[in-house]
Amino acid sequence: MTDRFAPTLRRLSYLAVLAQMLAAAASPLAPAFAETPDDLGQPAPEVPGNLAPDAVAITDATEIKKKLNELTIYGRYYDGEDWIEYHLADGRTAYFEKGCTYPGKWWVDQGEVCYAYPNYRDGAPNCFVMFIRPDGGIQFVAFGADNAPYVASSSTRTAPGNDAHLPLNGVSPCLSV
């Protein structure tokens, strides 16, 4: 294995263990002595404390697209900042935060939903593991510099179509942040 793939493989194995732990914790039929990461010779990952206990990781590209296509998400970051994002089926997106709308794109990469905007944070992509709650709510889990997962944001509501009437074309007149 080359060094350039090591962080990605580490993140994927971490994600797989995290998803198994969440599925086992949410299942009333989970066996009392299920395999743990320690049994497998791996450290037990921390589950983000504010992740809904009944949320399920969606990592299949088809399922992610099915959920997000033509959907507006009204969300809140972990720090309390509100945002809105409209997802078009063709991969375009409009992201609204702090009075500015940023046109961009979204895609699925290795089980994570990724976003990039030409004039927002230098166009750098941000990728998240998407979790769906039984009520249809969405939580986005990111990984810190130490690869520890944290809930970056959660939906406060969702609506079909471009419910917030966000502009889709052009470049945001807002300065890049």
N, C-alpha and C. Protein backbone atom coordinates (compact mmCIF):
# COMPACT_ATOMS: atom_id res chain seq x y z
N MET A 1 0.85 -1.17 0.00
CA MET A 1 0.00 0.00 0.00
C MET A 1 0.90 1.24 0.00
N THR A 2 0.52 2.23 -0.80
CA THR A 2 1.30 3.46 -0.82
C THR A 2 0.84 4.40 0.27
N ASP A 3 1.73 5.30 0.65
CA ASP A 3 1.40 6.25 1.72
C ASP A 3 0.25 7.17 1.36
N ARG A 4 0.06 7.45 0.08
CA ARG A 4 -0.99 8.39 -0.29
C ARG A 4 -2.38 7.82 -0.07
N PHE A 5 -2.53 6.50 -0.01
CA PHE A 5 -3.83 5.90 0.24
C PHE A 5 -4.07 5.60 1.71
N ALA A 6 -3.05 5.69 2.53
CA ALA A 6 -3.18 5.33 3.94
C ALA A 6 -4.25 6.14 4.66
N PRO A 7 -4.28 7.49 4.54
CA PRO A 7 -5.34 8.24 5.25
C PRO A 7 -6.74 7.86 4.80
N THR A 8 -6.92 7.63 3.51
CA THR A 8 -8.25 7.25 2.99
C THR A 8 -8.66 5.88 3.52
N LEU A 9 -7.75 4.92 3.49
CA LEU A 9 -8.07 3.58 4.00
C LEU A 9 -8.33 3.61 5.50
N ARG A 10 -7.56 4.40 6.23
CA ARG A 10 -7.77 4.52 7.67
C ARG A 10 -9.15 5.11 7.95
N ARG A 11 -9.53 6.15 7.18
CA ARG A 11 -10.83 6.79 7.36
C ARG A 11 -11.96 5.83 7.02
N LEU A 12 -11.80 5.04 5.95
CA LEU A 12 -12.85 4.09 5.56
C LEU A 12 -13.01 3.00 6.61
N SER A 13 -11.90 2.48 7.15
CA SER A 13 -12.03 1.44 8.17
C SER A 13 -12.64 2.03 9.44
N TYR A 14 -12.28 3.26 9.76
CA TYR A 14 -12.85 3.95 10.91
C TYR A 14 -14.35 4.13 10.72
N LEU A 15 -14.75 4.55 9.51
CA LEU A 15 -16.16 4.74 9.19
C LEU A 15 -16.93 3.42 9.28
N ALA A 16 -16.34 2.33 8.78
CA ALA A 16 -17.01 1.04 8.82
C ALA A 16 -17.25 0.59 10.26
N VAL A 17 -16.25 0.76 11.11
CA VAL A 17 -16.40 0.38 12.51
C VAL A 17 -17.44 1.26 13.19
N LEU A 18 -17.41 2.57 12.90
CA LEU A 18 -18.39 3.50 13.46
C LEU A 18 -19.81 3.11 13.05
N ALA A 19 -20.01 2.80 11.78
CA ALA A 19 -21.33 2.41 11.29
C ALA A 19 -21.81 1.12 11.96
N GLN A 20 -20.90 0.15 12.12
CA GLN A 20 -21.27 -1.11 12.78
C GLN A 20 -21.67 -0.86 14.24
N MET A 21 -20.92 0.01 14.92
CA MET A 21 -21.24 0.29 16.31
C MET A 21 -22.59 0.97 16.43
N LEU A 22 -22.88 1.91 15.54
CA LEU A 22 -24.17 2.60 15.58
C LEU A 22 -25.31 1.64 15.27
N ALA A 23 -25.11 0.77 14.28
CA ALA A 23 -26.15 -0.19 13.93
C ALA A 23 -26.41 -1.15 15.08
N ALA A 24 -25.35 -1.60 15.73
CA ALA A 24 -25.51 -2.53 16.85
C ALA A 24 -26.21 -1.85 18.03
N ALA A 25 -25.84 -0.60 18.29
CA ALA A 25 -26.44 0.12 19.41
C ALA A 25 -27.92 0.41 19.18
N ALA A 26 -28.30 0.59 17.93
CA ALA A 26 -29.68 0.93 17.61
C ALA A 26 -30.57 -0.30 17.51
N SER A 27 -29.98 -1.46 17.41
CA SER A 27 -30.76 -2.68 17.21
C SER A 27 -31.14 -3.30 18.55
N PRO A 28 -32.44 -3.49 18.78
CA PRO A 28 -32.86 -4.14 20.02
C PRO A 28 -32.49 -5.61 20.05
N LEU A 29 -32.15 -6.18 18.90
CA LEU A 29 -31.81 -7.58 18.81
C LEU A 29 -30.30 -7.81 18.82
N ALA A 30 -29.51 -6.76 19.08
CA ALA A 30 -28.06 -6.89 19.06
C ALA A 30 -27.63 -7.90 20.12
N PRO A 31 -26.74 -8.82 19.75
CA PRO A 31 -26.29 -9.81 20.73
C PRO A 31 -25.50 -9.14 21.86
N ALA A 32 -25.57 -9.75 23.01
CA ALA A 32 -24.91 -9.18 24.18
C ALA A 32 -23.39 -9.16 24.03
N PHE A 33 -22.83 -10.11 23.30
CA PHE A 33 -21.39 -10.20 23.15
C PHE A 33 -20.99 -10.07 21.69
N ALA A 34 -21.40 -8.98 21.07
CA ALA A 34 -21.04 -8.74 19.67
C ALA A 34 -19.55 -8.43 19.58
N GLU A 35 -18.99 -8.69 18.39
CA GLU A 35 -17.59 -8.34 18.18
C GLU A 35 -17.40 -6.86 18.38
N THR A 36 -16.35 -6.50 19.04
CA THR A 36 -16.03 -5.10 19.23
C THR A 36 -14.76 -4.78 18.46
N PRO A 37 -14.49 -3.50 18.23
CA PRO A 37 -13.24 -3.15 17.56
C PRO A 37 -12.02 -3.70 18.30
N ASP A 38 -12.09 -3.77 19.66
CA ASP A 38 -10.97 -4.32 20.42
C ASP A 38 -10.75 -5.79 20.09
N ASP A 39 -11.86 -6.55 19.87
CA ASP A 39 -11.75 -7.95 19.49
C ASP A 39 -11.03 -8.09 18.14
N LEU A 40 -11.16 -7.08 17.30
CA LEU A 40 -10.58 -7.13 15.97
C LEU A 40 -9.18 -6.53 15.94
N GLY A 41 -8.65 -6.17 17.11
CA GLY A 41 -7.32 -5.61 17.17
C GLY A 41 -7.24 -4.15 16.75
N GLN A 42 -8.39 -3.46 16.75
CA GLN A 42 -8.44 -2.06 16.36
C GLN A 42 -8.92 -1.24 17.54
N PRO A 43 -8.46 0.00 17.65
CA PRO A 43 -8.99 0.84 18.73
C PRO A 43 -10.46 1.17 18.48
N ALA A 44 -11.24 1.26 19.54
CA ALA A 44 -12.66 1.60 19.42
C ALA A 44 -12.79 3.08 19.06
N PRO A 45 -13.50 3.39 17.96
CA PRO A 45 -13.65 4.80 17.61
C PRO A 45 -14.66 5.47 18.53
N GLU A 46 -14.48 6.76 18.70
CA GLU A 46 -15.45 7.52 19.46
C GLU A 46 -16.65 7.80 18.57
N VAL A 47 -17.83 7.65 19.12
CA VAL A 47 -19.04 8.02 18.40
C VAL A 47 -19.36 9.45 18.80
N PRO A 48 -19.57 10.33 17.83
CA PRO A 48 -19.89 11.71 18.21
C PRO A 48 -21.07 11.74 19.17
N GLY A 49 -20.92 12.45 20.29
CA GLY A 49 -21.94 12.48 21.33
C GLY A 49 -23.26 13.07 20.88
N ASN A 50 -23.24 13.97 19.90
CA ASN A 50 -24.48 14.60 19.47
C ASN A 50 -25.05 13.96 18.20
N LEU A 51 -24.54 12.80 17.81
CA LEU A 51 -25.14 12.04 16.71
C LEU A 51 -26.37 11.32 17.26
N ALA A 52 -27.49 11.46 16.57
CA ALA A 52 -28.72 10.80 17.02
C ALA A 52 -28.47 9.30 17.14
N PRO A 53 -28.86 8.68 18.25
CA PRO A 53 -28.57 7.26 18.44
C PRO A 53 -29.24 6.35 17.42
N ASP A 54 -30.32 6.83 16.80
CA ASP A 54 -31.01 6.01 15.82
C ASP A 54 -30.70 6.44 14.38
N ALA A 55 -29.69 7.29 14.19
CA ALA A 55 -29.29 7.71 12.85
C ALA A 55 -28.51 6.59 12.18
N VAL A 56 -28.70 6.47 10.87
CA VAL A 56 -28.05 5.42 10.09
C VAL A 56 -27.16 6.06 9.03
N ALA A 57 -25.92 5.59 8.95
CA ALA A 57 -25.00 6.09 7.93
C ALA A 57 -25.46 5.62 6.55
N ILE A 58 -25.53 6.55 5.61
CA ILE A 58 -25.85 6.24 4.23
C ILE A 58 -24.56 6.45 3.43
N THR A 59 -23.98 5.36 2.95
CA THR A 59 -22.71 5.46 2.23
C THR A 59 -22.80 4.97 0.79
N ASP A 60 -23.95 4.43 0.41
CA ASP A 60 -24.14 3.97 -0.97
C ASP A 60 -24.44 5.19 -1.85
N ALA A 61 -23.68 5.36 -2.91
CA ALA A 61 -23.81 6.54 -3.77
C ALA A 61 -25.24 6.71 -4.30
N THR A 62 -25.86 5.63 -4.70
CA THR A 62 -27.23 5.71 -5.23
C THR A 62 -28.20 6.21 -4.16
N GLU A 63 -28.04 5.71 -2.95
CA GLU A 63 -28.93 6.13 -1.86
C GLU A 63 -28.69 7.58 -1.45
N ILE A 64 -27.43 8.00 -1.45
CA ILE A 64 -27.13 9.40 -1.13
C ILE A 64 -27.78 10.32 -2.16
N LYS A 65 -27.62 9.98 -3.44
CA LYS A 65 -28.20 10.81 -4.50
C LYS A 65 -29.72 10.80 -4.43
N LYS A 66 -30.29 9.66 -4.14
CA LYS A 66 -31.75 9.55 -4.02
C LYS A 66 -32.27 10.48 -2.92
N LYS A 67 -31.54 10.57 -1.82
CA LYS A 67 -31.96 11.41 -0.71
C LYS A 67 -31.78 12.90 -1.02
N LEU A 68 -30.64 13.27 -1.66
CA LEU A 68 -30.32 14.68 -1.83
C LEU A 68 -30.83 15.32 -3.11
N ASN A 69 -31.05 14.54 -4.17
CA ASN A 69 -31.49 15.12 -5.44
C ASN A 69 -32.75 15.97 -5.26
N GLU A 70 -32.66 17.21 -5.75
CA GLU A 70 -33.79 18.15 -5.73
C GLU A 70 -34.32 18.37 -4.31
N LEU A 71 -33.41 18.52 -3.36
CA LEU A 71 -33.78 18.72 -1.97
C LEU A 71 -33.13 19.99 -1.42
N THR A 72 -33.90 20.75 -0.66
CA THR A 72 -33.36 21.87 0.09
C THR A 72 -33.23 21.44 1.54
N ILE A 73 -32.05 21.65 2.09
CA ILE A 73 -31.81 21.35 3.50
C ILE A 73 -31.62 22.66 4.24
N TYR A 74 -32.38 22.84 5.29
CA TYR A 74 -32.17 23.95 6.22
C TYR A 74 -31.40 23.33 7.38
N GLY A 75 -30.22 23.86 7.68
CA GLY A 75 -29.38 23.22 8.68
C GLY A 75 -28.76 24.18 9.67
N ARG A 76 -28.10 23.58 10.63
CA ARG A 76 -27.40 24.34 11.66
C ARG A 76 -26.09 23.63 11.95
N TYR A 77 -25.00 24.44 11.94
CA TYR A 77 -23.69 23.90 12.29
C TYR A 77 -23.59 23.67 13.79
N TYR A 78 -22.60 22.90 14.19
CA TYR A 78 -22.41 22.60 15.61
C TYR A 78 -22.21 23.85 16.45
N ASP A 79 -21.76 24.95 15.82
CA ASP A 79 -21.56 26.20 16.56
C ASP A 79 -22.81 27.08 16.60
N GLY A 80 -23.92 26.60 16.02
CA GLY A 80 -25.18 27.34 16.06
C GLY A 80 -25.49 28.17 14.83
N GLU A 81 -24.55 28.25 13.89
CA GLU A 81 -24.75 29.04 12.66
C GLU A 81 -25.72 28.30 11.73
N ASP A 82 -26.72 29.04 11.21
CA ASP A 82 -27.70 28.44 10.29
C ASP A 82 -27.21 28.52 8.84
N TRP A 83 -27.66 27.59 8.02
CA TRP A 83 -27.33 27.55 6.60
C TRP A 83 -28.47 26.89 5.84
N ILE A 84 -28.47 27.08 4.51
CA ILE A 84 -29.45 26.45 3.62
C ILE A 84 -28.69 25.93 2.41
N GLU A 85 -29.07 24.77 1.91
CA GLU A 85 -28.42 24.23 0.71
C GLU A 85 -29.45 23.53 -0.16
N TYR A 86 -29.44 23.88 -1.45
CA TYR A 86 -30.30 23.23 -2.44
C TYR A 86 -29.42 22.37 -3.33
N HIS A 87 -29.83 21.11 -3.51
CA HIS A 87 -29.08 20.13 -4.31
C HIS A 87 -29.84 19.83 -5.60
N LEU A 88 -29.22 20.08 -6.73
CA LEU A 88 -29.81 19.71 -8.01
C LEU A 88 -29.33 18.32 -8.40
N ALA A 89 -30.15 17.60 -9.16
CA ALA A 89 -29.80 16.25 -9.57
C ALA A 89 -28.57 16.21 -10.47
N ASP A 90 -28.26 17.32 -11.15
CA ASP A 90 -27.10 17.35 -12.06
C ASP A 90 -25.79 17.65 -11.33
N GLY A 91 -25.82 17.75 -10.01
CA GLY A 91 -24.60 17.96 -9.24
C GLY A 91 -24.34 19.42 -8.87
N ARG A 92 -25.17 20.33 -9.36
CA ARG A 92 -25.01 21.72 -8.94
C ARG A 92 -25.66 21.91 -7.57
N THR A 93 -25.21 22.94 -6.88
CA THR A 93 -25.78 23.26 -5.58
C THR A 93 -25.73 24.76 -5.36
N ALA A 94 -26.59 25.23 -4.50
CA ALA A 94 -26.57 26.62 -4.04
C ALA A 94 -26.56 26.56 -2.52
N TYR A 95 -25.56 27.21 -1.94
CA TYR A 95 -25.34 27.17 -0.50
C TYR A 95 -25.46 28.59 0.05
N PHE A 96 -26.31 28.77 1.06
CA PHE A 96 -26.57 30.09 1.65
C PHE A 96 -26.10 30.09 3.09
N GLU A 97 -25.28 31.08 3.42
CA GLU A 97 -24.78 31.24 4.79
C GLU A 97 -24.44 32.70 5.01
N LYS A 98 -24.80 33.24 6.17
CA LYS A 98 -24.45 34.60 6.56
C LYS A 98 -24.79 35.64 5.50
N GLY A 99 -25.96 35.50 4.87
CA GLY A 99 -26.42 36.48 3.90
C GLY A 99 -25.87 36.33 2.50
N CYS A 100 -25.08 35.31 2.24
CA CYS A 100 -24.48 35.11 0.91
C CYS A 100 -24.87 33.75 0.35
N THR A 101 -25.11 33.72 -0.96
CA THR A 101 -25.37 32.45 -1.64
C THR A 101 -24.16 32.12 -2.51
N TYR A 102 -23.68 30.91 -2.37
CA TYR A 102 -22.51 30.44 -3.13
C TYR A 102 -22.93 29.30 -4.05
N PRO A 103 -22.90 29.50 -5.39
CA PRO A 103 -23.15 28.39 -6.29
C PRO A 103 -21.95 27.45 -6.26
N GLY A 104 -22.23 26.17 -6.38
CA GLY A 104 -21.14 25.21 -6.35
C GLY A 104 -21.56 23.87 -6.92
N LYS A 105 -20.90 22.83 -6.47
CA LYS A 105 -21.23 21.47 -6.93
C LYS A 105 -21.16 20.51 -5.76
N TRP A 106 -21.87 19.39 -5.92
CA TRP A 106 -21.83 18.32 -4.93
C TRP A 106 -21.67 17.00 -5.67
N TRP A 107 -21.05 16.03 -5.01
CA TRP A 107 -20.82 14.71 -5.59
C TRP A 107 -20.60 13.72 -4.46
N VAL A 108 -20.55 12.44 -4.82
CA VAL A 108 -20.31 11.38 -3.85
C VAL A 108 -18.95 10.77 -4.16
N ASP A 109 -18.14 10.61 -3.10
CA ASP A 109 -16.80 10.04 -3.25
C ASP A 109 -16.53 9.09 -2.08
N GLN A 110 -16.34 7.83 -2.37
CA GLN A 110 -16.02 6.82 -1.37
C GLN A 110 -16.98 6.83 -0.18
N GLY A 111 -18.26 6.91 -0.47
CA GLY A 111 -19.28 6.84 0.57
C GLY A 111 -19.54 8.14 1.30
N GLU A 112 -18.90 9.22 0.87
CA GLU A 112 -19.12 10.52 1.51
C GLU A 112 -19.70 11.49 0.49
N VAL A 113 -20.52 12.43 0.96
CA VAL A 113 -21.03 13.48 0.09
C VAL A 113 -20.07 14.66 0.22
N CYS A 114 -19.66 15.19 -0.94
CA CYS A 114 -18.66 16.25 -0.98
C CYS A 114 -19.24 17.50 -1.63
N TYR A 115 -18.73 18.65 -1.21
CA TYR A 115 -19.18 19.95 -1.71
C TYR A 115 -17.97 20.82 -2.01
N ALA A 116 -18.08 21.65 -3.04
CA ALA A 116 -17.05 22.65 -3.35
C ALA A 116 -17.72 23.85 -4.01
N TYR A 117 -17.20 25.04 -3.71
CA TYR A 117 -17.74 26.30 -4.23
C TYR A 117 -16.55 27.13 -4.72
N PRO A 118 -16.60 27.63 -5.96
CA PRO A 118 -15.45 28.35 -6.52
C PRO A 118 -14.95 29.51 -5.68
N ASN A 119 -15.84 30.27 -5.05
CA ASN A 119 -15.35 31.42 -4.28
C ASN A 119 -15.73 31.32 -2.80
N TYR A 120 -15.65 30.12 -2.27
CA TYR A 120 -15.88 29.90 -0.84
C TYR A 120 -14.76 29.00 -0.34
N ARG A 121 -14.00 29.48 0.59
CA ARG A 121 -12.87 28.74 1.17
C ARG A 121 -11.93 28.20 0.09
N ASP A 122 -11.64 29.07 -0.88
CA ASP A 122 -10.70 28.77 -1.97
C ASP A 122 -11.12 27.57 -2.81
N GLY A 123 -12.39 27.25 -2.84
CA GLY A 123 -12.89 26.14 -3.66
C GLY A 123 -12.52 24.77 -3.14
N ALA A 124 -11.96 24.70 -1.94
CA ALA A 124 -11.54 23.41 -1.38
C ALA A 124 -12.76 22.54 -1.08
N PRO A 125 -12.71 21.26 -1.47
CA PRO A 125 -13.84 20.37 -1.18
C PRO A 125 -13.93 20.02 0.30
N ASN A 126 -15.16 19.85 0.75
CA ASN A 126 -15.45 19.36 2.10
C ASN A 126 -16.32 18.13 1.95
N CYS A 127 -15.95 17.03 2.59
CA CYS A 127 -16.70 15.78 2.47
C CYS A 127 -17.20 15.35 3.85
N PHE A 128 -18.38 14.71 3.83
CA PHE A 128 -19.05 14.32 5.06
C PHE A 128 -19.68 12.94 4.89
N VAL A 129 -19.78 12.21 5.98
CA VAL A 129 -20.59 11.01 6.02
C VAL A 129 -21.99 11.46 6.38
N MET A 130 -22.96 11.04 5.58
CA MET A 130 -24.35 11.46 5.78
C MET A 130 -25.09 10.41 6.61
N PHE A 131 -25.72 10.86 7.69
CA PHE A 131 -26.54 9.99 8.52
C PHE A 131 -27.98 10.46 8.40
N ILE A 132 -28.91 9.50 8.33
CA ILE A 132 -30.33 9.81 8.24
C ILE A 132 -31.01 9.32 9.52
N ARG A 133 -31.80 10.20 10.10
CA ARG A 133 -32.58 9.84 11.28
C ARG A 133 -33.92 9.26 10.83
N PRO A 134 -34.58 8.50 11.68
CA PRO A 134 -35.88 7.92 11.31
C PRO A 134 -36.92 8.98 10.91
N ASP A 135 -36.81 10.20 11.45
CA ASP A 135 -37.75 11.25 11.09
C ASP A 135 -37.40 11.92 9.76
N GLY A 136 -36.36 11.42 9.08
CA GLY A 136 -35.94 11.98 7.79
C GLY A 136 -34.88 13.05 7.92
N GLY A 137 -34.58 13.46 9.14
CA GLY A 137 -33.54 14.47 9.36
C GLY A 137 -32.18 13.94 8.94
N ILE A 138 -31.28 14.87 8.67
CA ILE A 138 -29.95 14.53 8.17
C ILE A 138 -28.90 15.10 9.11
N GLN A 139 -27.87 14.31 9.36
CA GLN A 139 -26.71 14.78 10.11
C GLN A 139 -25.47 14.51 9.26
N PHE A 140 -24.56 15.49 9.22
CA PHE A 140 -23.33 15.37 8.45
C PHE A 140 -22.16 15.23 9.41
N VAL A 141 -21.44 14.12 9.32
CA VAL A 141 -20.29 13.86 10.18
C VAL A 141 -19.02 14.11 9.38
N ALA A 142 -18.15 14.92 9.96
CA ALA A 142 -16.85 15.22 9.35
C ALA A 142 -15.77 14.58 10.22
N PHE A 143 -14.55 14.61 9.72
CA PHE A 143 -13.41 14.08 10.45
C PHE A 143 -12.41 15.20 10.68
N GLY A 144 -11.99 15.37 11.92
CA GLY A 144 -11.02 16.40 12.26
C GLY A 144 -9.63 16.03 11.78
N ALA A 145 -8.68 16.90 12.04
CA ALA A 145 -7.30 16.67 11.64
C ALA A 145 -6.74 15.38 12.24
N ASP A 146 -7.27 14.98 13.39
CA ASP A 146 -6.83 13.75 14.04
C ASP A 146 -7.67 12.54 13.63
N ASN A 147 -8.51 12.71 12.59
CA ASN A 147 -9.43 11.69 12.08
C ASN A 147 -10.55 11.34 13.05
N ALA A 148 -10.73 12.11 14.11
CA ALA A 148 -11.84 11.87 15.03
C ALA A 148 -13.12 12.44 14.41
N PRO A 149 -14.21 11.66 14.41
CA PRO A 149 -15.46 12.15 13.82
C PRO A 149 -16.16 13.15 14.72
N TYR A 150 -16.87 14.08 14.10
CA TYR A 150 -17.70 15.01 14.85
C TYR A 150 -18.89 15.38 13.97
N VAL A 151 -20.02 15.70 14.60
CA VAL A 151 -21.20 16.12 13.85
C VAL A 151 -20.98 17.58 13.46
N ALA A 152 -20.74 17.79 12.16
CA ALA A 152 -20.48 19.14 11.66
C ALA A 152 -21.75 19.95 11.60
N SER A 153 -22.86 19.29 11.19
CA SER A 153 -24.14 20.00 11.11
C SER A 153 -25.29 19.01 11.07
N SER A 154 -26.47 19.55 11.33
CA SER A 154 -27.71 18.75 11.31
C SER A 154 -28.80 19.56 10.64
N SER A 155 -29.70 18.86 9.98
CA SER A 155 -30.82 19.57 9.37
C SER A 155 -31.81 19.98 10.45
N THR A 156 -32.43 21.14 10.24
CA THR A 156 -33.53 21.54 11.09
C THR A 156 -34.85 21.22 10.40
N ARG A 157 -34.79 21.18 9.05
CA ARG A 157 -35.91 20.70 8.24
C ARG A 157 -35.42 20.52 6.82
N THR A 158 -36.18 19.80 6.02
CA THR A 158 -35.88 19.64 4.60
C THR A 158 -37.16 19.92 3.81
N ALA A 159 -36.98 20.25 2.54
CA ALA A 159 -38.13 20.52 1.67
C ALA A 159 -37.77 20.13 0.24
N PRO A 160 -38.73 19.63 -0.52
CA PRO A 160 -38.44 19.27 -1.91
C PRO A 160 -38.23 20.52 -2.76
N GLY A 161 -37.40 20.37 -3.79
CA GLY A 161 -37.16 21.47 -4.73
C GLY A 161 -36.36 22.59 -4.11
N ASN A 162 -36.34 23.72 -4.83
CA ASN A 162 -35.59 24.89 -4.38
C ASN A 162 -36.51 25.75 -3.51
N ASP A 163 -36.84 25.21 -2.37
CA ASP A 163 -37.81 25.81 -1.45
C ASP A 163 -37.42 27.22 -1.01
N ALA A 164 -36.12 27.48 -0.89
CA ALA A 164 -35.64 28.80 -0.44
C ALA A 164 -35.39 29.75 -1.60
N HIS A 165 -35.64 29.29 -2.84
CA HIS A 165 -35.46 30.11 -4.05
C HIS A 165 -34.04 30.67 -4.15
N LEU A 166 -33.06 29.81 -3.89
CA LEU A 166 -31.67 30.23 -3.98
C LEU A 166 -31.25 30.38 -5.44
N PRO A 167 -30.47 31.43 -5.78
CA PRO A 167 -30.00 31.57 -7.16
C PRO A 167 -28.99 30.48 -7.48
N LEU A 168 -29.03 29.99 -8.72
CA LEU A 168 -28.22 28.83 -9.10
C LEU A 168 -27.07 29.15 -10.04
N ASN A 169 -27.07 30.28 -10.67
CA ASN A 169 -26.05 30.56 -11.67
C ASN A 169 -25.18 31.72 -11.26
N GLY A 170 -24.05 31.81 -11.90
CA GLY A 170 -23.16 32.94 -11.66
C GLY A 170 -22.23 32.69 -10.50
N VAL A 171 -21.54 33.74 -10.12
CA VAL A 171 -20.59 33.69 -9.03
C VAL A 171 -21.13 34.60 -7.93
N SER A 172 -21.01 34.17 -6.71
CA SER A 172 -21.50 34.98 -5.60
C SER A 172 -20.79 36.33 -5.55
N PRO A 173 -21.57 37.39 -5.33
CA PRO A 173 -20.94 38.71 -5.18
C PRO A 173 -20.25 38.87 -3.82
N CYS A 174 -20.46 37.89 -2.93
CA CYS A 174 -19.83 37.94 -1.62
C CYS A 174 -18.35 37.65 -1.74
N LEU A 175 -17.58 38.25 -0.86
CA LEU A 175 -16.15 37.95 -0.82
C LEU A 175 -15.94 36.54 -0.34
N SER A 176 -14.91 35.90 -0.81
CA SER A 176 -14.58 34.55 -0.39
C SER A 176 -14.22 34.55 1.09
N VAL A 177 -14.67 33.52 1.80
CA VAL A 177 -14.33 33.40 3.22
C VAL A 177 -13.32 32.29 3.41
